[in-house]
Amino acid sequence: MPLPEQVSFAGDAAKLAGHLFLPDDAGSDAAPVPGVVVAGTWTSVKEQMADRYAAQLARRGFAALSFDFTGYGESAGEPRDVESPEQKVRDLRAAADFLTGHPAVNASHLGALGVCAGAIYVSAFAAEDARVESLALVAPWLHDRRICEENYGGPEGIEAKKAAAAEARLRYEETGEVAYVPVVSGSDPDAAMPFDIDFYLNPQRGGIPQWPNRFAVMAWTEWLDFDAVAIAPKVTAPVLLVHSEDAAIPDGARRFHDNLAGPKHFLWTEGTQFDFYDQSPQVGFAADAAAEHFARTL
C-alpha cells in the first residue's frame, strides 16, 4: 500500500493538513499522473475513510490527496468541529490548488471522490470549478428539504434544531464558547446521529483518537438548509455513483443522478452505509469502480 506524505497547504481560512498518496512508480523520471482530491463523511478526519480511499486510488495509478477540513483534525481553524458545507467547498478548492501544483500531478486532469456527505462537498465544488473533470461518489448522502424532514423529525424537528443552532450561534458570538453534542450516541437524543454506530464507536474502526465525536450545535442551520440535490443540474463533469439500497438515503442519490447535466453512471451493489467506510468487499469494489471511471474520464 502506498505510504502517505505529510503535507500542508494554505486554505482561505486556515492552514490545512493532508496526506498525499502517490503511485509507487511516481518520481522525477515518471510522467505526471491525474490527481484526485478525496473527501470523507461529515465531521470526519482524514484517518477515518479519506486516507483509505486515497491509498486505494494511488495503488491504481492516481495521485490522491486526503486532508482535514478547516477546524478538524490536524488542520488549523477556529471554532473547531463546525460542519460547514460552504467552508468545506472552499477547502476543496485549496486542496485542488495544492494538488494540481505538485510536480507528480498532471494539472490538466483533476478528479474528486466523496464518501457519504463528502459527495455533497465534491459535487458543490465541481459545480463551480471547471478544473474538476470527473466525480466519483461512494455511498453518497445527498439531501434536500424532503429528505431532511424524513431523517430529522419532520418540519418540527428541523425547526427545533435550527432554533438550537441560533441559540448556540448567539452564545458563541457573545462568549466564544461552542456548544457541542456528540456526533454519535445511542444514549443522547440530541446527538447528531442518536444511534450506537459501531464504525464511529469502535476504536478498531473509526473511533480513533483524532476524532473527538462532537458536533457544533450552531452548524445545524447550514447543514439542514444546504440542498445537495439542487446542485445536480450544475454538474457537467462525468459522475459515477456507487451505492446500495441498504445504505443511507438511496432515494436522494437517485434524484441527484436523475438531475445531473453531464454523463452519469449509477452502480448498485450490496452493503450498509458504514461498510463503504472500511469494510471488504465494499471498499475494494468502490475503489475499483472509481479508478476505472477516472481512467476513462481524466
C-alpha atoms as a PDB file:
ATOM      1  CA  MET A   1       0.000   0.000   0.000  1.00  0.00           C
ATOM      2  CA  PRO A   2       1.448   3.439  -0.875  1.00  0.00           C
ATOM      3  CA  LEU A   3       2.710   5.391   2.117  1.00  0.00           C
ATOM      4  CA  PRO A   4       1.374   8.907   2.596  1.00  0.00           C
ATOM      5  CA  GLU A   5       3.476  12.030   2.552  1.00  0.00           C
ATOM      6  CA  GLN A   6       2.555  14.522   5.253  1.00  0.00           C
ATOM      7  CA  VAL A   7       1.703  17.802   3.521  1.00  0.00           C
ATOM      8  CA  SER A   8       0.253  21.169   4.434  1.00  0.00           C
ATOM      9  CA  PHE A   9      -1.175  23.967   2.359  1.00  0.00           C
ATOM     10  CA  ALA A  10      -2.968  27.268   2.781  1.00  0.00           C
ATOM     11  CA  GLY A  11      -6.737  27.357   2.886  1.00  0.00           C
ATOM     12  CA  ASP A  12      -8.702  30.584   2.723  1.00  0.00           C
ATOM     13  CA  ALA A  13      -9.336  30.456   6.476  1.00  0.00           C
ATOM     14  CA  ALA A  14      -6.518  28.350   7.941  1.00  0.00           C
ATOM     15  CA  LYS A  15      -3.525  26.147   7.230  1.00  0.00           C
ATOM     16  CA  LEU A  16      -4.714  22.683   6.226  1.00  0.00           C
ATOM     17  CA  ALA A  17      -3.002  19.339   6.870  1.00  0.00           C
ATOM     18  CA  GLY A  18      -3.161  16.448   4.466  1.00  0.00           C
ATOM     19  CA  HIS A  19      -1.785  13.141   3.278  1.00  0.00           C
ATOM     20  CA  LEU A  20      -0.569  12.847  -0.295  1.00  0.00           C
ATOM     21  CA  PHE A  21      -0.590   9.343  -1.727  1.00  0.00           C
ATOM     22  CA  LEU A  22       1.425   8.759  -4.917  1.00  0.00           C
ATOM     23  CA  PRO A  23       1.733   5.637  -7.075  1.00  0.00           C
ATOM     24  CA  ASP A  24       4.796   3.535  -6.274  1.00  0.00           C
ATOM     25  CA  ASP A  25       6.390   4.355  -9.615  1.00  0.00           C
ATOM     26  CA  ALA A  26       5.924   8.121  -9.249  1.00  0.00           C
ATOM     27  CA  GLY A  27       9.183  10.041  -9.344  1.00  0.00           C
ATOM     28  CA  SER A  28      11.276  12.585 -11.136  1.00  0.00           C
ATOM     29  CA  ASP A  29      11.507  10.458 -14.288  1.00  0.00           C
ATOM     30  CA  ALA A  30       7.850   9.408 -14.369  1.00  0.00           C
ATOM     31  CA  ALA A  31       5.181  11.185 -16.349  1.00  0.00           C
ATOM     32  CA  PRO A  32       2.759  13.231 -14.232  1.00  0.00           C
ATOM     33  CA  VAL A  33      -0.431  11.362 -13.334  1.00  0.00           C
ATOM     34  CA  PRO A  34      -4.029  12.517 -12.833  1.00  0.00           C
ATOM     35  CA  GLY A  35      -4.847  13.821  -9.366  1.00  0.00           C
ATOM     36  CA  VAL A  36      -7.888  13.147  -7.185  1.00  0.00           C
ATOM     37  CA  VAL A  37      -8.958  15.054  -4.071  1.00  0.00           C
ATOM     38  CA  VAL A  38     -10.785  12.849  -1.550  1.00  0.00           C
ATOM     39  CA  ALA A  39     -13.412  13.973   0.970  1.00  0.00           C
ATOM     40  CA  GLY A  40     -14.754  11.810   3.778  1.00  0.00           C
ATOM     41  CA  THR A  41     -18.044  11.891   5.659  1.00  0.00           C
ATOM     42  CA  TRP A  42     -19.400  14.824   7.659  1.00  0.00           C
ATOM     43  CA  THR A  43     -17.481  15.505  10.888  1.00  0.00           C
ATOM     44  CA  SER A  44     -14.738  13.063   9.863  1.00  0.00           C
ATOM     45  CA  VAL A  45     -10.973  13.351   9.939  1.00  0.00           C
ATOM     46  CA  LYS A  46      -8.783  12.061   7.133  1.00  0.00           C
ATOM     47  CA  GLU A  47      -7.695   8.921   9.002  1.00  0.00           C
ATOM     48  CA  GLN A  48     -11.246   7.542   9.173  1.00  0.00           C
ATOM     49  CA  MET A  49     -12.015   6.893   5.498  1.00  0.00           C
ATOM     50  CA  ALA A  50     -10.481   9.510   3.202  1.00  0.00           C
ATOM     51  CA  ASP A  51      -6.975   8.064   3.722  1.00  0.00           C
ATOM     52  CA  ARG A  52      -8.246   4.621   2.847  1.00  0.00           C
ATOM     53  CA  TYR A  53      -9.729   5.682  -0.469  1.00  0.00           C
ATOM     54  CA  ALA A  54      -6.753   7.894  -1.327  1.00  0.00           C
ATOM     55  CA  ALA A  55      -4.389   4.963  -0.757  1.00  0.00           C
ATOM     56  CA  GLN A  56      -6.572   2.688  -2.878  1.00  0.00           C
ATOM     57  CA  LEU A  57      -6.521   5.212  -5.727  1.00  0.00           C
ATOM     58  CA  ALA A  58      -2.741   5.574  -5.500  1.00  0.00           C
ATOM     59  CA  ARG A  59      -2.417   1.794  -5.819  1.00  0.00           C
ATOM     60  CA  ARG A  60      -4.362   2.137  -9.045  1.00  0.00           C
ATOM     61  CA  GLY A  61      -2.153   4.815 -10.559  1.00  0.00           C
ATOM     62  CA  PHE A  62      -3.541   8.134  -9.327  1.00  0.00           C
ATOM     63  CA  ALA A  63      -2.104  10.855  -7.113  1.00  0.00           C
ATOM     64  CA  ALA A  64      -4.648  11.245  -4.318  1.00  0.00           C
ATOM     65  CA  LEU A  65      -4.913  13.838  -1.572  1.00  0.00           C
ATOM     66  CA  SER A  66      -6.833  13.367   1.667  1.00  0.00           C
ATOM     67  CA  PHE A  67      -6.900  16.177   4.187  1.00  0.00           C
ATOM     68  CA  ASP A  68      -8.536  17.582   7.281  1.00  0.00           C
ATOM     69  CA  PHE A  69     -11.019  20.364   6.649  1.00  0.00           C
ATOM     70  CA  THR A  70     -10.786  23.695   8.451  1.00  0.00           C
ATOM     71  CA  GLY A  71     -11.216  23.211  12.184  1.00  0.00           C
ATOM     72  CA  TYR A  72     -10.887  19.422  12.021  1.00  0.00           C
ATOM     73  CA  GLY A  73      -8.106  17.019  12.916  1.00  0.00           C
ATOM     74  CA  GLU A  74      -4.607  18.334  12.293  1.00  0.00           C
ATOM     75  CA  SER A  75      -5.776  21.376  10.325  1.00  0.00           C
ATOM     76  CA  ALA A  76      -5.897  24.800  11.927  1.00  0.00           C
ATOM     77  CA  GLY A  77      -9.003  26.928  12.217  1.00  0.00           C
ATOM     78  CA  GLU A  78     -11.420  28.052  14.904  1.00  0.00           C
ATOM     79  CA  PRO A  79     -14.003  27.228  16.073  1.00  0.00           C
ATOM     80  CA  ARG A  80     -13.331  23.514  15.998  1.00  0.00           C
ATOM     81  CA  ASP A  81     -15.533  20.778  14.528  1.00  0.00           C
ATOM     82  CA  VAL A  82     -18.102  23.007  12.857  1.00  0.00           C
ATOM     83  CA  GLU A  83     -19.825  21.297   9.941  1.00  0.00           C
ATOM     84  CA  SER A  84     -19.927  23.934   7.199  1.00  0.00           C
ATOM     85  CA  PRO A  85     -20.575  22.749   3.629  1.00  0.00           C
ATOM     86  CA  GLU A  86     -19.639  26.173   2.285  1.00  0.00           C
ATOM     87  CA  GLN A  87     -16.300  26.205   4.098  1.00  0.00           C
ATOM     88  CA  LYS A  88     -15.577  22.646   3.012  1.00  0.00           C
ATOM     89  CA  VAL A  89     -16.118  23.600  -0.630  1.00  0.00           C
ATOM     90  CA  ARG A  90     -13.591  26.416  -0.198  1.00  0.00           C
ATOM     91  CA  ASP A  91     -11.187  23.935   1.400  1.00  0.00           C
ATOM     92  CA  LEU A  92     -11.557  21.605  -1.576  1.00  0.00           C
ATOM     93  CA  ARG A  93     -10.588  24.462  -3.873  1.00  0.00           C
ATOM     94  CA  ALA A  94      -7.436  25.000  -1.805  1.00  0.00           C
ATOM     95  CA  ALA A  95      -6.709  21.269  -1.889  1.00  0.00           C
ATOM     96  CA  ALA A  96      -7.084  21.266  -5.665  1.00  0.00           C
ATOM     97  CA  ASP A  97      -4.709  24.231  -5.912  1.00  0.00           C
ATOM     98  CA  PHE A  98      -2.115  22.293  -3.935  1.00  0.00           C
ATOM     99  CA  LEU A  99      -2.581  19.002  -5.747  1.00  0.00           C
ATOM    100  CA  THR A 100      -2.502  20.422  -9.272  1.00  0.00           C
ATOM    101  CA  GLY A 101       0.652  22.347  -8.365  1.00  0.00           C
ATOM    102  CA  HIS A 102       2.548  19.197  -7.386  1.00  0.00           C
ATOM    103  CA  PRO A 103       5.214  18.081  -9.887  1.00  0.00           C
ATOM    104  CA  ALA A 104       3.964  14.462  -9.862  1.00  0.00           C
ATOM    105  CA  VAL A 105       0.449  15.541 -10.883  1.00  0.00           C
ATOM    106  CA  ASN A 106      -0.882  16.373 -14.323  1.00  0.00           C
ATOM    107  CA  ALA A 107      -2.613  19.673 -13.568  1.00  0.00           C
ATOM    108  CA  SER A 108      -4.927  19.251 -16.550  1.00  0.00           C
ATOM    109  CA  HIS A 109      -6.542  16.109 -15.153  1.00  0.00           C
ATOM    110  CA  LEU A 110      -8.271  16.573 -11.790  1.00  0.00           C
ATOM    111  CA  GLY A 111     -10.939  14.368 -10.259  1.00  0.00           C
ATOM    112  CA  ALA A 112     -12.701  14.275  -6.901  1.00  0.00           C
ATOM    113  CA  LEU A 113     -14.092  11.436  -4.786  1.00  0.00           C
ATOM    114  CA  GLY A 114     -16.557  11.914  -1.955  1.00  0.00           C
ATOM    115  CA  VAL A 115     -17.736   9.367   0.601  1.00  0.00           C
ATOM    116  CA  CYS A 116     -21.173   9.848   2.209  1.00  0.00           C
ATOM    117  CA  ALA A 117     -21.598  13.602   2.838  1.00  0.00           C
ATOM    118  CA  GLY A 118     -18.281  14.118   1.086  1.00  0.00           C
ATOM    119  CA  ALA A 119     -20.389  13.633  -2.036  1.00  0.00           C
ATOM    120  CA  ILE A 120     -22.151  16.910  -1.224  1.00  0.00           C
ATOM    121  CA  TYR A 121     -18.905  18.804  -0.908  1.00  0.00           C
ATOM    122  CA  VAL A 122     -17.154  17.480  -4.017  1.00  0.00           C
ATOM    123  CA  SER A 123     -20.316  17.926  -6.111  1.00  0.00           C
ATOM    124  CA  ALA A 124     -20.713  21.535  -4.999  1.00  0.00           C
ATOM    125  CA  PHE A 125     -17.018  22.080  -5.722  1.00  0.00           C
ATOM    126  CA  ALA A 126     -17.296  20.556  -9.211  1.00  0.00           C
ATOM    127  CA  ALA A 127     -20.384  22.653  -9.952  1.00  0.00           C
ATOM    128  CA  GLU A 128     -18.360  25.838  -9.559  1.00  0.00           C
ATOM    129  CA  ASP A 129     -14.837  24.829 -10.616  1.00  0.00           C
ATOM    130  CA  ALA A 130     -14.246  23.718 -14.202  1.00  0.00           C
ATOM    131  CA  ARG A 131     -10.937  22.105 -13.255  1.00  0.00           C
ATOM    132  CA  VAL A 132     -12.857  19.109 -11.898  1.00  0.00           C
ATOM    133  CA  GLU A 133     -13.150  16.764 -14.866  1.00  0.00           C
ATOM    134  CA  SER A 134     -14.699  13.767 -13.122  1.00  0.00           C
ATOM    135  CA  LEU A 135     -16.521  12.791  -9.910  1.00  0.00           C
ATOM    136  CA  ALA A 136     -16.911   9.520  -8.024  1.00  0.00           C
ATOM    137  CA  LEU A 137     -19.493   9.444  -5.212  1.00  0.00           C
ATOM    138  CA  VAL A 138     -19.347   6.486  -2.817  1.00  0.00           C
ATOM    139  CA  ALA A 139     -22.395   5.688  -0.658  1.00  0.00           C
ATOM    140  CA  PRO A 140     -23.419   9.302  -1.241  1.00  0.00           C
ATOM    141  CA  TRP A 141     -25.522  11.211   1.260  1.00  0.00           C
ATOM    142  CA  LEU A 142     -27.306  13.802  -0.906  1.00  0.00           C
ATOM    143  CA  HIS A 143     -30.190  15.515   0.835  1.00  0.00           C
ATOM    144  CA  ASP A 144     -32.818  18.149   0.148  1.00  0.00           C
ATOM    145  CA  ARG A 145     -35.556  19.557   2.373  1.00  0.00           C
ATOM    146  CA  ARG A 146     -37.781  16.500   1.969  1.00  0.00           C
ATOM    147  CA  ILE A 147     -35.025  14.094   2.914  1.00  0.00           C
ATOM    148  CA  CYS A 148     -34.055  16.252   5.889  1.00  0.00           C
ATOM    149  CA  GLU A 149     -37.626  16.176   7.112  1.00  0.00           C
ATOM    150  CA  GLU A 150     -37.693  12.384   6.757  1.00  0.00           C
ATOM    151  CA  ASN A 151     -34.464  11.994   8.737  1.00  0.00           C
ATOM    152  CA  TYR A 152     -34.624  14.766  11.318  1.00  0.00           C
ATOM    153  CA  GLY A 153     -38.113  14.567  12.780  1.00  0.00           C
ATOM    154  CA  GLY A 154     -40.212  16.342  10.189  1.00  0.00           C
ATOM    155  CA  PRO A 155     -40.681  20.135   9.927  1.00  0.00           C
ATOM    156  CA  GLU A 156     -40.930  20.400  13.706  1.00  0.00           C
ATOM    157  CA  GLY A 157     -37.671  18.541  14.235  1.00  0.00           C
ATOM    158  CA  ILE A 158     -35.872  20.727  11.722  1.00  0.00           C
ATOM    159  CA  GLU A 159     -37.159  23.933  13.276  1.00  0.00           C
ATOM    160  CA  ALA A 160     -36.141  22.727  16.733  1.00  0.00           C
ATOM    161  CA  LYS A 161     -32.594  22.030  15.542  1.00  0.00           C
ATOM    162  CA  LYS A 162     -32.395  25.396  13.804  1.00  0.00           C
ATOM    163  CA  ALA A 163     -33.645  27.152  16.951  1.00  0.00           C
ATOM    164  CA  ALA A 164     -30.962  25.373  18.993  1.00  0.00           C
ATOM    165  CA  ALA A 165     -28.406  26.385  16.348  1.00  0.00           C
ATOM    166  CA  ALA A 166     -29.436  30.038  16.563  1.00  0.00           C
ATOM    167  CA  GLU A 167     -29.101  29.981  20.348  1.00  0.00           C
ATOM    168  CA  ALA A 168     -25.703  28.296  20.100  1.00  0.00           C
ATOM    169  CA  ARG A 169     -24.529  30.800  17.481  1.00  0.00           C
ATOM    170  CA  LEU A 170     -25.547  33.713  19.710  1.00  0.00           C
ATOM    171  CA  ARG A 171     -23.746  32.136  22.656  1.00  0.00           C
ATOM    172  CA  TYR A 172     -20.598  31.729  20.569  1.00  0.00           C
ATOM    173  CA  GLU A 173     -20.711  35.308  19.324  1.00  0.00           C
ATOM    174  CA  GLU A 174     -21.229  36.665  22.825  1.00  0.00           C
ATOM    175  CA  THR A 175     -18.865  34.427  24.784  1.00  0.00           C
ATOM    176  CA  GLY A 176     -16.672  32.493  22.345  1.00  0.00           C
ATOM    177  CA  GLU A 177     -17.997  29.232  23.811  1.00  0.00           C
ATOM    178  CA  VAL A 178     -19.032  26.495  21.384  1.00  0.00           C
ATOM    179  CA  ALA A 179     -21.961  24.257  22.321  1.00  0.00           C
ATOM    180  CA  TYR A 180     -21.347  20.663  21.279  1.00  0.00           C
ATOM    181  CA  VAL A 181     -23.355  17.459  21.232  1.00  0.00           C
ATOM    182  CA  PRO A 182     -21.997  14.022  20.318  1.00  0.00           C
ATOM    183  CA  VAL A 183     -21.911  13.123  16.652  1.00  0.00           C
ATOM    184  CA  VAL A 184     -22.862   9.555  17.586  1.00  0.00           C
ATOM    185  CA  SER A 185     -24.552   8.370  20.770  1.00  0.00           C
ATOM    186  CA  GLY A 186     -27.315   5.888  21.446  1.00  0.00           C
ATOM    187  CA  SER A 187     -27.967   7.447  24.854  1.00  0.00           C
ATOM    188  CA  ASP A 188     -28.124  11.161  23.934  1.00  0.00           C
ATOM    189  CA  PRO A 189     -31.232  12.122  21.933  1.00  0.00           C
ATOM    190  CA  ASP A 190     -29.572  15.415  20.976  1.00  0.00           C
ATOM    191  CA  ALA A 191     -26.669  13.664  19.227  1.00  0.00           C
ATOM    192  CA  ALA A 192     -26.286  14.435  15.520  1.00  0.00           C
ATOM    193  CA  MET A 193     -26.750  10.695  14.933  1.00  0.00           C
ATOM    194  CA  PRO A 194     -28.606   9.373  18.015  1.00  0.00           C
ATOM    195  CA  PHE A 195     -27.658   5.731  17.490  1.00  0.00           C
ATOM    196  CA  ASP A 196     -24.869   3.417  18.599  1.00  0.00           C
ATOM    197  CA  ILE A 197     -22.913   3.110  15.328  1.00  0.00           C
ATOM    198  CA  ASP A 198     -20.068   0.627  15.548  1.00  0.00           C
ATOM    199  CA  PHE A 199     -17.884   2.340  12.959  1.00  0.00           C
ATOM    200  CA  TYR A 200     -17.712   5.551  14.981  1.00  0.00           C
ATOM    201  CA  LEU A 201     -17.577   3.985  18.450  1.00  0.00           C
ATOM    202  CA  ASN A 202     -15.210   1.077  17.762  1.00  0.00           C
ATOM    203  CA  PRO A 203     -11.541   2.097  18.235  1.00  0.00           C
ATOM    204  CA  GLN A 204     -10.557  -0.594  15.731  1.00  0.00           C
ATOM    205  CA  ARG A 205     -12.612   1.203  13.064  1.00  0.00           C
ATOM    206  CA  GLY A 206     -13.468   4.908  13.141  1.00  0.00           C
ATOM    207  CA  GLY A 207     -13.494   5.580  16.889  1.00  0.00           C
ATOM    208  CA  ILE A 208      -9.925   6.866  16.757  1.00  0.00           C
ATOM    209  CA  PRO A 209      -8.193   9.445  18.994  1.00  0.00           C
ATOM    210  CA  GLN A 210      -8.009  12.005  16.175  1.00  0.00           C
ATOM    211  CA  TRP A 211     -11.819  12.195  16.059  1.00  0.00           C
ATOM    212  CA  PRO A 212     -13.433  13.840  19.117  1.00  0.00           C
ATOM    213  CA  ASN A 213     -17.046  12.743  18.422  1.00  0.00           C
ATOM    214  CA  ARG A 214     -18.518  16.204  18.773  1.00  0.00           C
ATOM    215  CA  PHE A 215     -20.866  18.260  16.633  1.00  0.00           C
ATOM    216  CA  ALA A 216     -21.155  22.030  16.971  1.00  0.00           C
ATOM    217  CA  VAL A 217     -24.844  22.763  17.529  1.00  0.00           C
ATOM    218  CA  MET A 218     -24.601  26.060  15.653  1.00  0.00           C
ATOM    219  CA  ALA A 219     -23.834  24.113  12.458  1.00  0.00           C
ATOM    220  CA  TRP A 220     -27.332  22.632  12.152  1.00  0.00           C
ATOM    221  CA  THR A 221     -28.796  25.522  10.159  1.00  0.00           C
ATOM    222  CA  GLU A 222     -26.253  25.484   7.341  1.00  0.00           C
ATOM    223  CA  TRP A 223     -26.352  21.688   7.155  1.00  0.00           C
ATOM    224  CA  LEU A 224     -30.143  21.452   7.034  1.00  0.00           C
ATOM    225  CA  ASP A 225     -30.563  24.321   4.578  1.00  0.00           C
ATOM    226  CA  PHE A 226     -27.953  23.031   2.119  1.00  0.00           C
ATOM    227  CA  ASP A 227     -29.851  21.473  -0.802  1.00  0.00           C
ATOM    228  CA  ALA A 228     -27.476  18.945  -2.334  1.00  0.00           C
ATOM    229  CA  VAL A 229     -29.989  17.581  -4.844  1.00  0.00           C
ATOM    230  CA  ALA A 230     -30.329  21.074  -6.349  1.00  0.00           C
ATOM    231  CA  ILE A 231     -26.611  21.023  -7.208  1.00  0.00           C
ATOM    232  CA  ALA A 232     -27.037  18.222  -9.765  1.00  0.00           C
ATOM    233  CA  PRO A 233     -28.126  20.318 -12.793  1.00  0.00           C
ATOM    234  CA  LYS A 234     -24.975  22.427 -12.344  1.00  0.00           C
ATOM    235  CA  VAL A 235     -22.630  19.421 -12.515  1.00  0.00           C
ATOM    236  CA  THR A 236     -21.455  18.798 -16.074  1.00  0.00           C
ATOM    237  CA  ALA A 237     -18.444  16.564 -15.350  1.00  0.00           C
ATOM    238  CA  PRO A 238     -18.946  12.782 -15.678  1.00  0.00           C
ATOM    239  CA  VAL A 239     -20.261  11.316 -12.417  1.00  0.00           C
ATOM    240  CA  LEU A 240     -20.110   7.773 -11.041  1.00  0.00           C
ATOM    241  CA  LEU A 241     -22.340   6.892  -8.082  1.00  0.00           C
ATOM    242  CA  VAL A 242     -21.694   3.684  -6.123  1.00  0.00           C
ATOM    243  CA  HIS A 243     -24.469   2.877  -3.680  1.00  0.00           C
ATOM    244  CA  SER A 244     -26.602   0.204  -2.043  1.00  0.00           C
ATOM    245  CA  GLU A 245     -30.293   0.028  -1.235  1.00  0.00           C
ATOM    246  CA  ASP A 246     -29.226  -0.869   2.317  1.00  0.00           C
ATOM    247  CA  ALA A 247     -27.082   2.267   2.665  1.00  0.00           C
ATOM    248  CA  ALA A 248     -28.198   5.785   3.559  1.00  0.00           C
ATOM    249  CA  ILE A 249     -30.928   7.633   1.614  1.00  0.00           C
ATOM    250  CA  PRO A 250     -30.644   5.926  -1.794  1.00  0.00           C
ATOM    251  CA  ASP A 251     -33.650   7.982  -2.876  1.00  0.00           C
ATOM    252  CA  GLY A 252     -31.609  11.172  -2.612  1.00  0.00           C
ATOM    253  CA  ALA A 253     -28.854   9.650  -4.727  1.00  0.00           C
ATOM    254  CA  ARG A 254     -31.403   8.580  -7.336  1.00  0.00           C
ATOM    255  CA  ARG A 255     -32.898  12.058  -7.551  1.00  0.00           C
ATOM    256  CA  PHE A 256     -29.441  13.597  -7.760  1.00  0.00           C
ATOM    257  CA  HIS A 257     -28.480  11.187 -10.535  1.00  0.00           C
ATOM    258  CA  ASP A 258     -31.664  11.897 -12.491  1.00  0.00           C
ATOM    259  CA  ASN A 259     -30.942  15.642 -12.487  1.00  0.00           C
ATOM    260  CA  LEU A 260     -27.263  15.537 -13.438  1.00  0.00           C
ATOM    261  CA  ALA A 261     -26.425  17.593 -16.513  1.00  0.00           C
ATOM    262  CA  GLY A 262     -23.483  15.545 -17.781  1.00  0.00           C
ATOM    263  CA  PRO A 263     -22.536  11.881 -18.357  1.00  0.00           C
ATOM    264  CA  LYS A 264     -23.540   9.686 -15.439  1.00  0.00           C
ATOM    265  CA  HIS A 265     -23.466   6.086 -14.291  1.00  0.00           C
ATOM    266  CA  PHE A 266     -25.131   4.510 -11.255  1.00  0.00           C
ATOM    267  CA  LEU A 267     -23.533   1.323  -9.957  1.00  0.00           C
ATOM    268  CA  TRP A 268     -25.565  -0.581  -7.378  1.00  0.00           C
ATOM    269  CA  THR A 269     -24.026  -3.111  -5.046  1.00  0.00           C
ATOM    270  CA  GLU A 270     -24.643  -4.524  -1.554  1.00  0.00           C
ATOM    271  CA  GLY A 271     -23.674  -3.326   1.896  1.00  0.00           C
ATOM    272  CA  THR A 272     -24.657  -0.965   4.694  1.00  0.00           C
ATOM    273  CA  GLN A 273     -23.572   2.675   4.745  1.00  0.00           C
ATOM    274  CA  PHE A 274     -20.725   2.016   7.136  1.00  0.00           C
ATOM    275  CA  ASP A 275     -19.420  -0.966   5.159  1.00  0.00           C
ATOM    276  CA  PHE A 276     -18.327   1.511   2.484  1.00  0.00           C
ATOM    277  CA  TYR A 277     -16.111   3.296   5.002  1.00  0.00           C
ATOM    278  CA  ASP A 278     -13.720   0.485   5.861  1.00  0.00           C
ATOM    279  CA  GLN A 279     -15.010  -2.987   5.044  1.00  0.00           C
ATOM    280  CA  SER A 280     -14.218  -5.576   2.410  1.00  0.00           C
ATOM    281  CA  PRO A 281     -15.510  -6.129  -0.232  1.00  0.00           C
ATOM    282  CA  GLN A 282     -17.285  -2.739  -0.353  1.00  0.00           C
ATOM    283  CA  VAL A 283     -14.202  -0.508  -0.242  1.00  0.00           C
ATOM    284  CA  GLY A 284     -12.368  -2.537  -2.869  1.00  0.00           C
ATOM    285  CA  PHE A 285     -15.428  -2.660  -5.103  1.00  0.00           C
ATOM    286  CA  ALA A 286     -15.935   1.100  -4.874  1.00  0.00           C
ATOM    287  CA  ALA A 287     -12.232   1.859  -5.372  1.00  0.00           C
ATOM    288  CA  ASP A 288     -12.063  -0.387  -8.444  1.00  0.00           C
ATOM    289  CA  ALA A 289     -15.131   1.285  -9.914  1.00  0.00           C
ATOM    290  CA  ALA A 290     -13.818   4.778  -9.164  1.00  0.00           C
ATOM    291  CA  ALA A 291     -10.408   4.002 -10.658  1.00  0.00           C
ATOM    292  CA  GLU A 292     -11.972   2.624 -13.827  1.00  0.00           C
ATOM    293  CA  HIS A 293     -14.210   5.684 -14.051  1.00  0.00           C
ATOM    294  CA  PHE A 294     -11.300   8.076 -13.555  1.00  0.00           C
ATOM    295  CA  ALA A 295      -9.170   6.181 -16.086  1.00  0.00           C
ATOM    296  CA  ARG A 296     -11.854   6.763 -18.705  1.00  0.00           C
ATOM    297  CA  THR A 297     -12.689  10.364 -17.835  1.00  0.00           C
ATOM    298  CA  LEU A 298      -9.439  12.004 -16.720  1.00  0.00           C
END
